[in-house]
Amino acid sequence: MKSDNQAHTYEPKISNILSSSESHRTQNSETIVDKITLSEAIEDFNLMAKVEGQADKTLELYEYVFKRLTGFISEKKLVTEIQVKELRKYLASLMDDGLKNTTVAIHYRHLKSFFNWLVEENYLEEAPTEKIDEPKTPKKFPRVLDGEQVTKLLTIAKNRKGEWSSYRNYFMLVVFVEMGLRLNELINAKIKDLDLKNRSLKVHGKGAKDRKVYFGKRTLRTLRHWMKIRDYSPEKVWGDTIFISQCGEKLKVRNVEQLVSRIQKKADLEDTKVSPHVLRHTAATFAVENGLTAFQLKSQFGWEQIGLHFATSI
């Protein structure tokens, strides 16, 4: 049996071991975090995003967000010194500058990704954005056209057929409405990725992600017809995309937006919002009405999440 003195001499040993362990853990945690300035951190993050193959638009948006941030917080400041209150003041300053909550929310989400990455890379122990809530934004349902409005658009486009460009414009509208492609997906869609036998098209989607989009028999007939006449008009075809300009080159975003706008006016739909994006959501609405499941909808349209508008319809 141990004496009281022996018991007392044992307790300090345990205390010393615990203190030593705690001290060792503190030293390790201090060595985990590297000292890096905001400017250096942004440079490293941008390099990571580029190497990962993130879309050009995403990279441009990061550049814009970081430019605003370094206009408020010194780029020479260590990231470990950036406080929660400082970031709150920064987001509030964006609102004071007249930015809408939806825009400030975009800034917040990009900054959250940035600071979370700093934690993963051991530049920070905790992201300051974790203690900041995303600015609330109004829930907006996407604009869509009804069946009658779509019929008007397609009828006007179809009645103008006769010229090569009119055929092309009509076929593009059919593809927008029935396949629900994004504008960039449509103008960049390549002939080699079109599989008429299996009625599918591989597209390079948002976030540099590829996916297969499937289409029905009407779109199949449309695309077959278009591929027969595609090379008729241009003297020289330079582009390898499905849809081309009259110069034989890949279409530009602005060209497609303008032709959709012209057809909209001729269809007497000037009081209705019509754009490739609206046509995409219209296609999704029709797909849901035709029985597409939530999983099929996400796969077909390249969405990671389904908005409330579609979720309540499925």
C-alpha atoms as a PDB file:
ATOM      1  CA  MET A   1       0.000   0.000   0.000  1.00  0.00           C
ATOM      2  CA  LYS A   2       1.363   3.415  -0.979  1.00  0.00           C
ATOM      3  CA  SER A   3       1.851   6.051   1.713  1.00  0.00           C
ATOM      4  CA  ASP A   4       0.321   9.527   1.490  1.00  0.00           C
ATOM      5  CA  ASN A   5       3.764  10.925   0.663  1.00  0.00           C
ATOM      6  CA  GLN A   6       4.139   8.523  -2.237  1.00  0.00           C
ATOM      7  CA  ALA A   7       0.703   9.508  -3.541  1.00  0.00           C
ATOM      8  CA  HIS A   8       1.603  13.181  -3.357  1.00  0.00           C
ATOM      9  CA  THR A   9       4.880  12.647  -5.199  1.00  0.00           C
ATOM     10  CA  TYR A  10       3.001  10.811  -8.018  1.00  0.00           C
ATOM     11  CA  GLU A  11       0.438  13.546  -8.735  1.00  0.00           C
ATOM     12  CA  PRO A  12       2.950  16.216  -9.764  1.00  0.00           C
ATOM     13  CA  LYS A  13       4.446  13.741 -12.230  1.00  0.00           C
ATOM     14  CA  ILE A  14       1.047  13.331 -13.922  1.00  0.00           C
ATOM     15  CA  SER A  15       0.622  17.106 -13.902  1.00  0.00           C
ATOM     16  CA  ASN A  16       4.053  17.549 -15.452  1.00  0.00           C
ATOM     17  CA  ILE A  17       3.300  14.999 -18.166  1.00  0.00           C
ATOM     18  CA  LEU A  18       0.004  16.727 -19.021  1.00  0.00           C
ATOM     19  CA  SER A  19       1.672  20.137 -19.046  1.00  0.00           C
ATOM     20  CA  SER A  20       4.457  18.816 -21.237  1.00  0.00           C
ATOM     21  CA  SER A  21       1.935  17.241 -23.608  1.00  0.00           C
ATOM     22  CA  GLU A  22      -0.114  20.450 -23.777  1.00  0.00           C
ATOM     23  CA  SER A  23       3.012  22.498 -24.389  1.00  0.00           C
ATOM     24  CA  HIS A  24       4.108  20.107 -27.158  1.00  0.00           C
ATOM     25  CA  ARG A  25       0.661  20.284 -28.804  1.00  0.00           C
ATOM     26  CA  THR A  26       0.703  24.097 -28.663  1.00  0.00           C
ATOM     27  CA  GLN A  27       4.140  24.178 -30.250  1.00  0.00           C
ATOM     28  CA  ASN A  28       2.962  21.832 -33.021  1.00  0.00           C
ATOM     29  CA  SER A  29      -0.119  23.926 -33.745  1.00  0.00           C
ATOM     30  CA  GLU A  30       2.060  27.024 -33.945  1.00  0.00           C
ATOM     31  CA  THR A  31       4.375  25.372 -36.445  1.00  0.00           C
ATOM     32  CA  ILE A  32       1.433  24.165 -38.564  1.00  0.00           C
ATOM     33  CA  VAL A  33       0.366  27.701 -39.419  1.00  0.00           C
ATOM     34  CA  ASP A  34       2.684  29.392 -41.919  1.00  0.00           C
ATOM     35  CA  LYS A  35       3.072  33.151 -41.899  1.00  0.00           C
ATOM     36  CA  ILE A  36       1.789  34.546 -45.177  1.00  0.00           C
ATOM     37  CA  THR A  37       0.524  37.938 -46.312  1.00  0.00           C
ATOM     38  CA  LEU A  38      -2.873  38.485 -47.900  1.00  0.00           C
ATOM     39  CA  SER A  39      -1.188  39.245 -51.228  1.00  0.00           C
ATOM     40  CA  GLU A  40       0.814  35.990 -51.132  1.00  0.00           C
ATOM     41  CA  ALA A  41      -2.251  33.999 -50.119  1.00  0.00           C
ATOM     42  CA  ILE A  42      -4.285  35.410 -53.011  1.00  0.00           C
ATOM     43  CA  GLU A  43      -1.470  34.597 -55.439  1.00  0.00           C
ATOM     44  CA  ASP A  44      -1.315  30.987 -54.184  1.00  0.00           C
ATOM     45  CA  PHE A  45      -5.095  30.607 -54.290  1.00  0.00           C
ATOM     46  CA  ASN A  46      -5.321  31.942 -57.846  1.00  0.00           C
ATOM     47  CA  LEU A  47      -2.574  29.541 -58.915  1.00  0.00           C
ATOM     48  CA  MET A  48      -4.475  26.625 -57.373  1.00  0.00           C
ATOM     49  CA  ALA A  49      -7.717  27.646 -59.095  1.00  0.00           C
ATOM     50  CA  LYS A  50      -5.979  27.933 -62.466  1.00  0.00           C
ATOM     51  CA  VAL A  51      -4.187  24.570 -62.171  1.00  0.00           C
ATOM     52  CA  GLU A  52      -7.466  22.888 -61.141  1.00  0.00           C
ATOM     53  CA  GLY A  53      -8.939  24.098 -64.419  1.00  0.00           C
ATOM     54  CA  GLN A  54     -11.618  26.381 -62.998  1.00  0.00           C
ATOM     55  CA  ALA A  55     -13.572  28.301 -65.633  1.00  0.00           C
ATOM     56  CA  ASP A  56     -12.212  31.611 -66.971  1.00  0.00           C
ATOM     57  CA  LYS A  57     -15.293  33.458 -65.686  1.00  0.00           C
ATOM     58  CA  THR A  58     -14.687  32.073 -62.199  1.00  0.00           C
ATOM     59  CA  LEU A  59     -11.047  33.194 -62.300  1.00  0.00           C
ATOM     60  CA  GLU A  60     -12.110  36.673 -63.447  1.00  0.00           C
ATOM     61  CA  LEU A  61     -14.647  36.871 -60.640  1.00  0.00           C
ATOM     62  CA  TYR A  62     -12.009  35.895 -58.073  1.00  0.00           C
ATOM     63  CA  GLU A  63      -9.767  38.657 -59.448  1.00  0.00           C
ATOM     64  CA  TYR A  64     -12.577  41.210 -59.076  1.00  0.00           C
ATOM     65  CA  VAL A  65     -13.458  40.082 -55.532  1.00  0.00           C
ATOM     66  CA  PHE A  66      -9.818  40.151 -54.368  1.00  0.00           C
ATOM     67  CA  LYS A  67      -9.253  43.573 -55.918  1.00  0.00           C
ATOM     68  CA  ARG A  68     -12.141  44.963 -53.852  1.00  0.00           C
ATOM     69  CA  LEU A  69     -10.901  43.165 -50.736  1.00  0.00           C
ATOM     70  CA  THR A  70      -7.319  44.497 -50.986  1.00  0.00           C
ATOM     71  CA  GLY A  71      -8.734  47.981 -51.471  1.00  0.00           C
ATOM     72  CA  PHE A  72     -10.153  47.676 -47.943  1.00  0.00           C
ATOM     73  CA  ILE A  73      -7.617  45.421 -46.176  1.00  0.00           C
ATOM     74  CA  SER A  74      -3.887  45.933 -46.782  1.00  0.00           C
ATOM     75  CA  GLU A  75      -2.443  43.227 -48.993  1.00  0.00           C
ATOM     76  CA  LYS A  76       0.669  43.289 -46.786  1.00  0.00           C
ATOM     77  CA  LYS A  77      -1.320  42.197 -43.753  1.00  0.00           C
ATOM     78  CA  LEU A  78      -0.767  38.640 -42.497  1.00  0.00           C
ATOM     79  CA  VAL A  79      -3.837  36.458 -43.068  1.00  0.00           C
ATOM     80  CA  THR A  80      -3.612  35.342 -39.423  1.00  0.00           C
ATOM     81  CA  GLU A  81      -4.236  38.958 -38.401  1.00  0.00           C
ATOM     82  CA  ILE A  82      -7.494  39.343 -40.371  1.00  0.00           C
ATOM     83  CA  GLN A  83     -10.336  39.497 -37.871  1.00  0.00           C
ATOM     84  CA  VAL A  84     -14.022  38.594 -38.149  1.00  0.00           C
ATOM     85  CA  LYS A  85     -15.048  42.179 -37.366  1.00  0.00           C
ATOM     86  CA  GLU A  86     -12.783  43.475 -40.128  1.00  0.00           C
ATOM     87  CA  LEU A  87     -14.477  41.242 -42.721  1.00  0.00           C
ATOM     88  CA  ARG A  88     -17.924  42.255 -41.446  1.00  0.00           C
ATOM     89  CA  LYS A  89     -16.949  45.908 -41.919  1.00  0.00           C
ATOM     90  CA  TYR A  90     -15.729  45.092 -45.433  1.00  0.00           C
ATOM     91  CA  LEU A  91     -19.008  43.417 -46.435  1.00  0.00           C
ATOM     92  CA  ALA A  92     -20.931  46.332 -44.892  1.00  0.00           C
ATOM     93  CA  SER A  93     -18.817  48.743 -46.969  1.00  0.00           C
ATOM     94  CA  LEU A  94     -19.911  46.931 -50.144  1.00  0.00           C
ATOM     95  CA  MET A  95     -23.539  47.487 -49.146  1.00  0.00           C
ATOM     96  CA  ASP A  96     -22.778  51.146 -48.373  1.00  0.00           C
ATOM     97  CA  ASP A  97     -21.328  51.431 -51.898  1.00  0.00           C
ATOM     98  CA  GLY A  98     -24.736  50.482 -53.271  1.00  0.00           C
ATOM     99  CA  LEU A  99     -24.130  46.824 -54.074  1.00  0.00           C
ATOM    100  CA  LYS A 100     -27.222  44.657 -53.801  1.00  0.00           C
ATOM    101  CA  ASN A 101     -27.379  41.881 -51.229  1.00  0.00           C
ATOM    102  CA  THR A 102     -27.260  39.317 -54.031  1.00  0.00           C
ATOM    103  CA  THR A 103     -23.927  40.769 -55.212  1.00  0.00           C
ATOM    104  CA  VAL A 104     -22.517  41.007 -51.679  1.00  0.00           C
ATOM    105  CA  ALA A 105     -23.545  37.376 -51.158  1.00  0.00           C
ATOM    106  CA  ILE A 106     -21.410  36.420 -54.182  1.00  0.00           C
ATOM    107  CA  HIS A 107     -18.439  38.249 -52.625  1.00  0.00           C
ATOM    108  CA  TYR A 108     -19.074  36.439 -49.348  1.00  0.00           C
ATOM    109  CA  ARG A 109     -19.192  32.986 -50.976  1.00  0.00           C
ATOM    110  CA  HIS A 110     -15.924  33.563 -52.843  1.00  0.00           C
ATOM    111  CA  LEU A 111     -14.210  34.861 -49.704  1.00  0.00           C
ATOM    112  CA  LYS A 112     -15.492  31.860 -47.762  1.00  0.00           C
ATOM    113  CA  SER A 113     -13.968  29.516 -50.349  1.00  0.00           C
ATOM    114  CA  PHE A 114     -10.707  31.459 -50.104  1.00  0.00           C
ATOM    115  CA  PHE A 115     -10.443  31.359 -46.301  1.00  0.00           C
ATOM    116  CA  ASN A 116     -11.533  27.710 -46.113  1.00  0.00           C
ATOM    117  CA  TRP A 117      -8.736  26.903 -48.561  1.00  0.00           C
ATOM    118  CA  LEU A 118      -6.263  28.758 -46.329  1.00  0.00           C
ATOM    119  CA  VAL A 119      -7.312  26.475 -43.464  1.00  0.00           C
ATOM    120  CA  GLU A 120      -6.821  23.380 -45.640  1.00  0.00           C
ATOM    121  CA  GLU A 121      -3.346  24.623 -46.607  1.00  0.00           C
ATOM    122  CA  ASN A 122      -2.436  25.249 -42.930  1.00  0.00           C
ATOM    123  CA  TYR A 123      -2.193  29.005 -43.362  1.00  0.00           C
ATOM    124  CA  LEU A 124      -5.029  29.481 -40.852  1.00  0.00           C
ATOM    125  CA  GLU A 125      -6.356  27.490 -37.912  1.00  0.00           C
ATOM    126  CA  GLU A 126      -9.903  28.752 -38.450  1.00  0.00           C
ATOM    127  CA  ALA A 127     -11.590  30.693 -41.250  1.00  0.00           C
ATOM    128  CA  PRO A 128     -12.889  34.090 -40.049  1.00  0.00           C
ATOM    129  CA  THR A 129     -15.844  33.710 -42.420  1.00  0.00           C
ATOM    130  CA  GLU A 130     -17.143  30.792 -40.301  1.00  0.00           C
ATOM    131  CA  LYS A 131     -18.570  33.284 -37.827  1.00  0.00           C
ATOM    132  CA  ILE A 132     -20.218  35.446 -40.500  1.00  0.00           C
ATOM    133  CA  ASP A 133     -23.607  34.566 -41.980  1.00  0.00           C
ATOM    134  CA  GLU A 134     -24.197  34.963 -45.695  1.00  0.00           C
ATOM    135  CA  PRO A 135     -26.251  38.096 -46.507  1.00  0.00           C
ATOM    136  CA  LYS A 136     -29.898  37.233 -46.965  1.00  0.00           C
ATOM    137  CA  THR A 137     -31.171  37.514 -50.531  1.00  0.00           C
ATOM    138  CA  PRO A 138     -34.743  37.468 -51.840  1.00  0.00           C
ATOM    139  CA  LYS A 139     -35.907  34.121 -53.183  1.00  0.00           C
ATOM    140  CA  LYS A 140     -36.624  34.582 -56.878  1.00  0.00           C
ATOM    141  CA  PHE A 141     -38.200  32.026 -59.137  1.00  0.00           C
ATOM    142  CA  PRO A 142     -36.552  31.801 -62.567  1.00  0.00           C
ATOM    143  CA  ARG A 143     -38.431  33.416 -65.455  1.00  0.00           C
ATOM    144  CA  VAL A 144     -39.931  30.898 -67.870  1.00  0.00           C
ATOM    145  CA  LEU A 145     -42.104  31.060 -70.989  1.00  0.00           C
ATOM    146  CA  ASP A 146     -45.379  29.229 -71.317  1.00  0.00           C
ATOM    147  CA  GLY A 147     -46.248  26.905 -74.192  1.00  0.00           C
ATOM    148  CA  GLU A 148     -48.037  29.601 -76.197  1.00  0.00           C
ATOM    149  CA  GLN A 149     -45.073  32.001 -75.995  1.00  0.00           C
ATOM    150  CA  VAL A 150     -42.631  29.283 -77.072  1.00  0.00           C
ATOM    151  CA  THR A 151     -44.892  28.411 -80.010  1.00  0.00           C
ATOM    152  CA  LYS A 152     -44.909  32.081 -81.066  1.00  0.00           C
ATOM    153  CA  LEU A 153     -41.107  32.241 -80.997  1.00  0.00           C
ATOM    154  CA  LEU A 154     -40.632  29.036 -82.976  1.00  0.00           C
ATOM    155  CA  THR A 155     -43.359  29.919 -85.483  1.00  0.00           C
ATOM    156  CA  ILE A 156     -41.818  33.315 -86.252  1.00  0.00           C
ATOM    157  CA  ALA A 157     -38.365  31.769 -86.607  1.00  0.00           C
ATOM    158  CA  LYS A 158     -39.704  28.950 -88.786  1.00  0.00           C
ATOM    159  CA  ASN A 159     -41.666  31.269 -91.065  1.00  0.00           C
ATOM    160  CA  ARG A 160     -38.479  33.221 -91.798  1.00  0.00           C
ATOM    161  CA  LYS A 161     -36.738  30.146 -93.158  1.00  0.00           C
ATOM    162  CA  GLY A 162     -35.429  30.465 -96.677  1.00  0.00           C
ATOM    163  CA  GLU A 163     -32.053  31.997 -96.026  1.00  0.00           C
ATOM    164  CA  TRP A 164     -29.240  29.921 -94.551  1.00  0.00           C
ATOM    165  CA  SER A 165     -29.017  32.110 -91.418  1.00  0.00           C
ATOM    166  CA  SER A 166     -32.778  31.836 -90.819  1.00  0.00           C
ATOM    167  CA  TYR A 167     -32.579  28.047 -90.863  1.00  0.00           C
ATOM    168  CA  ARG A 168     -29.683  28.213 -88.408  1.00  0.00           C
ATOM    169  CA  ASN A 169     -31.538  30.578 -86.074  1.00  0.00           C
ATOM    170  CA  TYR A 170     -34.624  28.366 -86.021  1.00  0.00           C
ATOM    171  CA  PHE A 171     -32.555  25.246 -85.331  1.00  0.00           C
ATOM    172  CA  MET A 172     -30.720  27.002 -82.490  1.00  0.00           C
ATOM    173  CA  LEU A 173     -34.005  27.995 -80.865  1.00  0.00           C
ATOM    174  CA  VAL A 174     -35.214  24.394 -81.043  1.00  0.00           C
ATOM    175  CA  VAL A 175     -31.988  23.233 -79.369  1.00  0.00           C
ATOM    176  CA  PHE A 176     -32.317  25.880 -76.630  1.00  0.00           C
ATOM    177  CA  VAL A 177     -35.936  24.965 -75.872  1.00  0.00           C
ATOM    178  CA  GLU A 178     -35.621  21.189 -76.110  1.00  0.00           C
ATOM    179  CA  MET A 179     -32.122  20.570 -74.756  1.00  0.00           C
ATOM    180  CA  GLY A 180     -31.803  23.432 -72.269  1.00  0.00           C
ATOM    181  CA  LEU A 181     -28.194  24.250 -73.095  1.00  0.00           C
ATOM    182  CA  ARG A 182     -26.434  27.243 -71.599  1.00  0.00           C
ATOM    183  CA  LEU A 183     -25.484  29.896 -74.153  1.00  0.00           C
ATOM    184  CA  ASN A 184     -21.759  29.118 -73.855  1.00  0.00           C
ATOM    185  CA  GLU A 185     -22.483  25.405 -74.148  1.00  0.00           C
ATOM    186  CA  LEU A 186     -24.374  25.929 -77.391  1.00  0.00           C
ATOM    187  CA  ILE A 187     -21.827  28.144 -79.141  1.00  0.00           C
ATOM    188  CA  ASN A 188     -18.936  25.866 -78.073  1.00  0.00           C
ATOM    189  CA  ALA A 189     -20.644  22.528 -78.864  1.00  0.00           C
ATOM    190  CA  LYS A 190     -18.448  20.627 -81.340  1.00  0.00           C
ATOM    191  CA  ILE A 191     -19.435  18.327 -84.205  1.00  0.00           C
ATOM    192  CA  LYS A 192     -17.167  15.555 -82.905  1.00  0.00           C
ATOM    193  CA  ASP A 193     -19.160  15.498 -79.645  1.00  0.00           C
ATOM    194  CA  LEU A 194     -22.521  15.091 -81.389  1.00  0.00           C
ATOM    195  CA  ASP A 195     -23.795  11.495 -81.388  1.00  0.00           C
ATOM    196  CA  LEU A 196     -26.906  11.369 -83.580  1.00  0.00           C
ATOM    197  CA  LYS A 197     -27.194   7.590 -83.266  1.00  0.00           C
ATOM    198  CA  ASN A 198     -27.579   7.728 -79.472  1.00  0.00           C
ATOM    199  CA  ARG A 199     -29.213  11.174 -79.526  1.00  0.00           C
ATOM    200  CA  SER A 200     -26.677  12.798 -77.228  1.00  0.00           C
ATOM    201  CA  LEU A 201     -24.270  15.713 -77.166  1.00  0.00           C
ATOM    202  CA  LYS A 202     -21.245  16.078 -74.893  1.00  0.00           C
ATOM    203  CA  VAL A 203     -20.918  19.665 -73.690  1.00  0.00           C
ATOM    204  CA  HIS A 204     -18.266  21.503 -71.701  1.00  0.00           C
ATOM    205  CA  GLY A 205     -20.376  22.953 -68.916  1.00  0.00           C
ATOM    206  CA  LYS A 206     -20.101  25.355 -66.022  1.00  0.00           C
ATOM    207  CA  GLY A 207     -17.114  24.857 -63.755  1.00  0.00           C
ATOM    208  CA  ALA A 208     -15.213  23.132 -66.574  1.00  0.00           C
ATOM    209  CA  LYS A 209     -17.353  20.003 -66.154  1.00  0.00           C
ATOM    210  CA  ASP A 210     -18.275  17.803 -69.122  1.00  0.00           C
ATOM    211  CA  ARG A 211     -21.650  16.090 -69.334  1.00  0.00           C
ATOM    212  CA  LYS A 212     -23.858  14.359 -71.870  1.00  0.00           C
ATOM    213  CA  VAL A 213     -27.142  16.011 -72.834  1.00  0.00           C
ATOM    214  CA  TYR A 214     -29.799  13.829 -74.430  1.00  0.00           C
ATOM    215  CA  PHE A 215     -32.476  14.946 -76.890  1.00  0.00           C
ATOM    216  CA  GLY A 216     -35.697  13.712 -78.457  1.00  0.00           C
ATOM    217  CA  LYS A 217     -36.749  12.837 -81.984  1.00  0.00           C
ATOM    218  CA  ARG A 218     -37.714  16.381 -83.002  1.00  0.00           C
ATOM    219  CA  THR A 219     -34.281  17.696 -82.058  1.00  0.00           C
ATOM    220  CA  LEU A 220     -32.730  14.721 -83.856  1.00  0.00           C
ATOM    221  CA  ARG A 221     -34.542  15.673 -87.083  1.00  0.00           C
ATOM    222  CA  THR A 222     -33.564  19.307 -86.556  1.00  0.00           C
ATOM    223  CA  LEU A 223     -29.871  18.552 -86.070  1.00  0.00           C
ATOM    224  CA  ARG A 224     -29.770  16.101 -88.994  1.00  0.00           C
ATOM    225  CA  HIS A 225     -31.257  18.743 -91.266  1.00  0.00           C
ATOM    226  CA  TRP A 226     -28.875  21.401 -89.980  1.00  0.00           C
ATOM    227  CA  MET A 227     -25.783  19.236 -90.454  1.00  0.00           C
ATOM    228  CA  LYS A 228     -26.762  18.717 -94.104  1.00  0.00           C
ATOM    229  CA  ILE A 229     -26.903  22.448 -94.845  1.00  0.00           C
ATOM    230  CA  ARG A 230     -24.316  23.725 -92.317  1.00  0.00           C
ATOM    231  CA  ASP A 231     -21.489  24.154 -94.838  1.00  0.00           C
ATOM    232  CA  TYR A 232     -23.616  25.512 -97.714  1.00  0.00           C
ATOM    233  CA  SER A 233     -23.407  29.262 -97.095  1.00  0.00           C
ATOM    234  CA  PRO A 234     -19.898  30.174 -95.891  1.00  0.00           C
ATOM    235  CA  GLU A 235     -17.205  30.302 -98.567  1.00  0.00           C
ATOM    236  CA  LYS A 236     -14.815  28.768 -96.078  1.00  0.00           C
ATOM    237  CA  VAL A 237     -15.722  26.971 -92.838  1.00  0.00           C
ATOM    238  CA  TRP A 238     -13.144  27.683 -90.153  1.00  0.00           C
ATOM    239  CA  GLY A 239     -14.983  26.489 -87.065  1.00  0.00           C
ATOM    240  CA  ASP A 240     -15.500  22.956 -85.790  1.00  0.00           C
ATOM    241  CA  THR A 241     -18.541  23.923 -83.736  1.00  0.00           C
ATOM    242  CA  ILE A 242     -22.042  22.739 -84.634  1.00  0.00           C
ATOM    243  CA  PHE A 243     -23.395  26.248 -85.120  1.00  0.00           C
ATOM    244  CA  ILE A 244     -21.305  28.773 -87.070  1.00  0.00           C
ATOM    245  CA  SER A 245     -21.529  32.309 -88.363  1.00  0.00           C
ATOM    246  CA  GLN A 246     -21.999  33.262 -92.024  1.00  0.00           C
ATOM    247  CA  CYS A 247     -18.222  33.733 -92.107  1.00  0.00           C
ATOM    248  CA  GLY A 248     -17.776  30.083 -91.180  1.00  0.00           C
ATOM    249  CA  GLU A 249     -16.515  30.838 -87.665  1.00  0.00           C
ATOM    250  CA  LYS A 250     -17.708  30.002 -84.180  1.00  0.00           C
ATOM    251  CA  LEU A 251     -20.598  32.207 -83.072  1.00  0.00           C
ATOM    252  CA  LYS A 252     -20.078  34.937 -80.508  1.00  0.00           C
ATOM    253  CA  VAL A 253     -22.215  35.291 -77.385  1.00  0.00           C
ATOM    254  CA  ARG A 254     -23.447  38.741 -78.387  1.00  0.00           C
ATOM    255  CA  ASN A 255     -24.531  37.532 -81.857  1.00  0.00           C
ATOM    256  CA  VAL A 256     -26.789  34.855 -80.376  1.00  0.00           C
ATOM    257  CA  GLU A 257     -28.257  37.230 -77.785  1.00  0.00           C
ATOM    258  CA  GLN A 258     -29.096  39.738 -80.536  1.00  0.00           C
ATOM    259  CA  LEU A 259     -30.771  37.203 -82.816  1.00  0.00           C
ATOM    260  CA  VAL A 260     -32.910  35.889 -79.919  1.00  0.00           C
ATOM    261  CA  SER A 261     -33.888  39.502 -79.183  1.00  0.00           C
ATOM    262  CA  ARG A 262     -34.845  40.120 -82.838  1.00  0.00           C
ATOM    263  CA  ILE A 263     -37.059  37.027 -82.968  1.00  0.00           C
ATOM    264  CA  GLN A 264     -38.618  38.044 -79.640  1.00  0.00           C
ATOM    265  CA  LYS A 265     -39.668  41.420 -81.072  1.00  0.00           C
ATOM    266  CA  LYS A 266     -41.099  39.897 -84.242  1.00  0.00           C
ATOM    267  CA  ALA A 267     -43.104  37.489 -82.078  1.00  0.00           C
ATOM    268  CA  ASP A 268     -44.633  40.473 -80.200  1.00  0.00           C
ATOM    269  CA  LEU A 269     -43.088  39.352 -76.919  1.00  0.00           C
ATOM    270  CA  GLU A 270     -41.312  42.623 -76.107  1.00  0.00           C
ATOM    271  CA  ASP A 271     -43.041  42.801 -72.697  1.00  0.00           C
ATOM    272  CA  THR A 272     -41.700  39.333 -71.843  1.00  0.00           C
ATOM    273  CA  LYS A 273     -38.155  38.578 -70.759  1.00  0.00           C
ATOM    274  CA  VAL A 274     -36.668  36.298 -73.435  1.00  0.00           C
ATOM    275  CA  SER A 275     -33.023  35.228 -73.416  1.00  0.00           C
ATOM    276  CA  PRO A 276     -31.008  32.012 -73.763  1.00  0.00           C
ATOM    277  CA  HIS A 277     -31.082  31.733 -69.967  1.00  0.00           C
ATOM    278  CA  VAL A 278     -34.879  32.043 -69.883  1.00  0.00           C
ATOM    279  CA  LEU A 279     -35.131  29.427 -72.649  1.00  0.00           C
ATOM    280  CA  ARG A 280     -32.945  27.102 -70.568  1.00  0.00           C
ATOM    281  CA  HIS A 281     -35.242  27.379 -67.549  1.00  0.00           C
ATOM    282  CA  THR A 282     -38.235  26.980 -69.829  1.00  0.00           C
ATOM    283  CA  ALA A 283     -36.736  23.722 -71.113  1.00  0.00           C
ATOM    284  CA  ALA A 284     -36.260  22.536 -67.515  1.00  0.00           C
ATOM    285  CA  THR A 285     -39.880  23.377 -66.668  1.00  0.00           C
ATOM    286  CA  PHE A 286     -41.144  21.417 -69.678  1.00  0.00           C
ATOM    287  CA  ALA A 287     -38.872  18.507 -68.704  1.00  0.00           C
ATOM    288  CA  VAL A 288     -40.390  18.388 -65.211  1.00  0.00           C
ATOM    289  CA  GLU A 289     -43.911  18.528 -66.664  1.00  0.00           C
ATOM    290  CA  ASN A 290     -42.969  15.574 -68.882  1.00  0.00           C
ATOM    291  CA  GLY A 291     -41.959  13.500 -65.872  1.00  0.00           C
ATOM    292  CA  LEU A 292     -38.195  14.011 -65.562  1.00  0.00           C
ATOM    293  CA  THR A 293     -36.996  13.002 -62.078  1.00  0.00           C
ATOM    294  CA  ALA A 294     -34.839  15.191 -59.836  1.00  0.00           C
ATOM    295  CA  PHE A 295     -31.762  13.059 -60.580  1.00  0.00           C
ATOM    296  CA  GLN A 296     -32.383  13.186 -64.346  1.00  0.00           C
ATOM    297  CA  LEU A 297     -32.929  16.944 -64.197  1.00  0.00           C
ATOM    298  CA  LYS A 298     -29.611  17.542 -62.407  1.00  0.00           C
ATOM    299  CA  SER A 299     -27.807  15.279 -64.864  1.00  0.00           C
ATOM    300  CA  GLN A 300     -29.386  16.777 -67.996  1.00  0.00           C
ATOM    301  CA  PHE A 301     -28.934  20.419 -66.996  1.00  0.00           C
ATOM    302  CA  GLY A 302     -25.647  20.155 -65.101  1.00  0.00           C
ATOM    303  CA  TRP A 303     -27.003  21.430 -61.801  1.00  0.00           C
ATOM    304  CA  GLU A 304     -25.541  20.469 -58.446  1.00  0.00           C
ATOM    305  CA  GLN A 305     -28.715  21.597 -56.690  1.00  0.00           C
ATOM    306  CA  ILE A 306     -32.292  22.055 -57.866  1.00  0.00           C
ATOM    307  CA  GLY A 307     -33.976  25.360 -57.105  1.00  0.00           C
ATOM    308  CA  LEU A 308     -37.197  25.606 -55.129  1.00  0.00           C
ATOM    309  CA  HIS A 309     -39.137  26.323 -58.322  1.00  0.00           C
ATOM    310  CA  PHE A 310     -38.309  22.891 -59.735  1.00  0.00           C
ATOM    311  CA  ALA A 311     -38.119  20.985 -56.457  1.00  0.00           C
ATOM    312  CA  THR A 312     -41.750  21.781 -55.651  1.00  0.00           C
ATOM    313  CA  SER A 313     -42.827  20.679 -59.118  1.00  0.00           C
ATOM    314  CA  ILE A 314     -41.247  17.208 -58.990  1.00  0.00           C
END
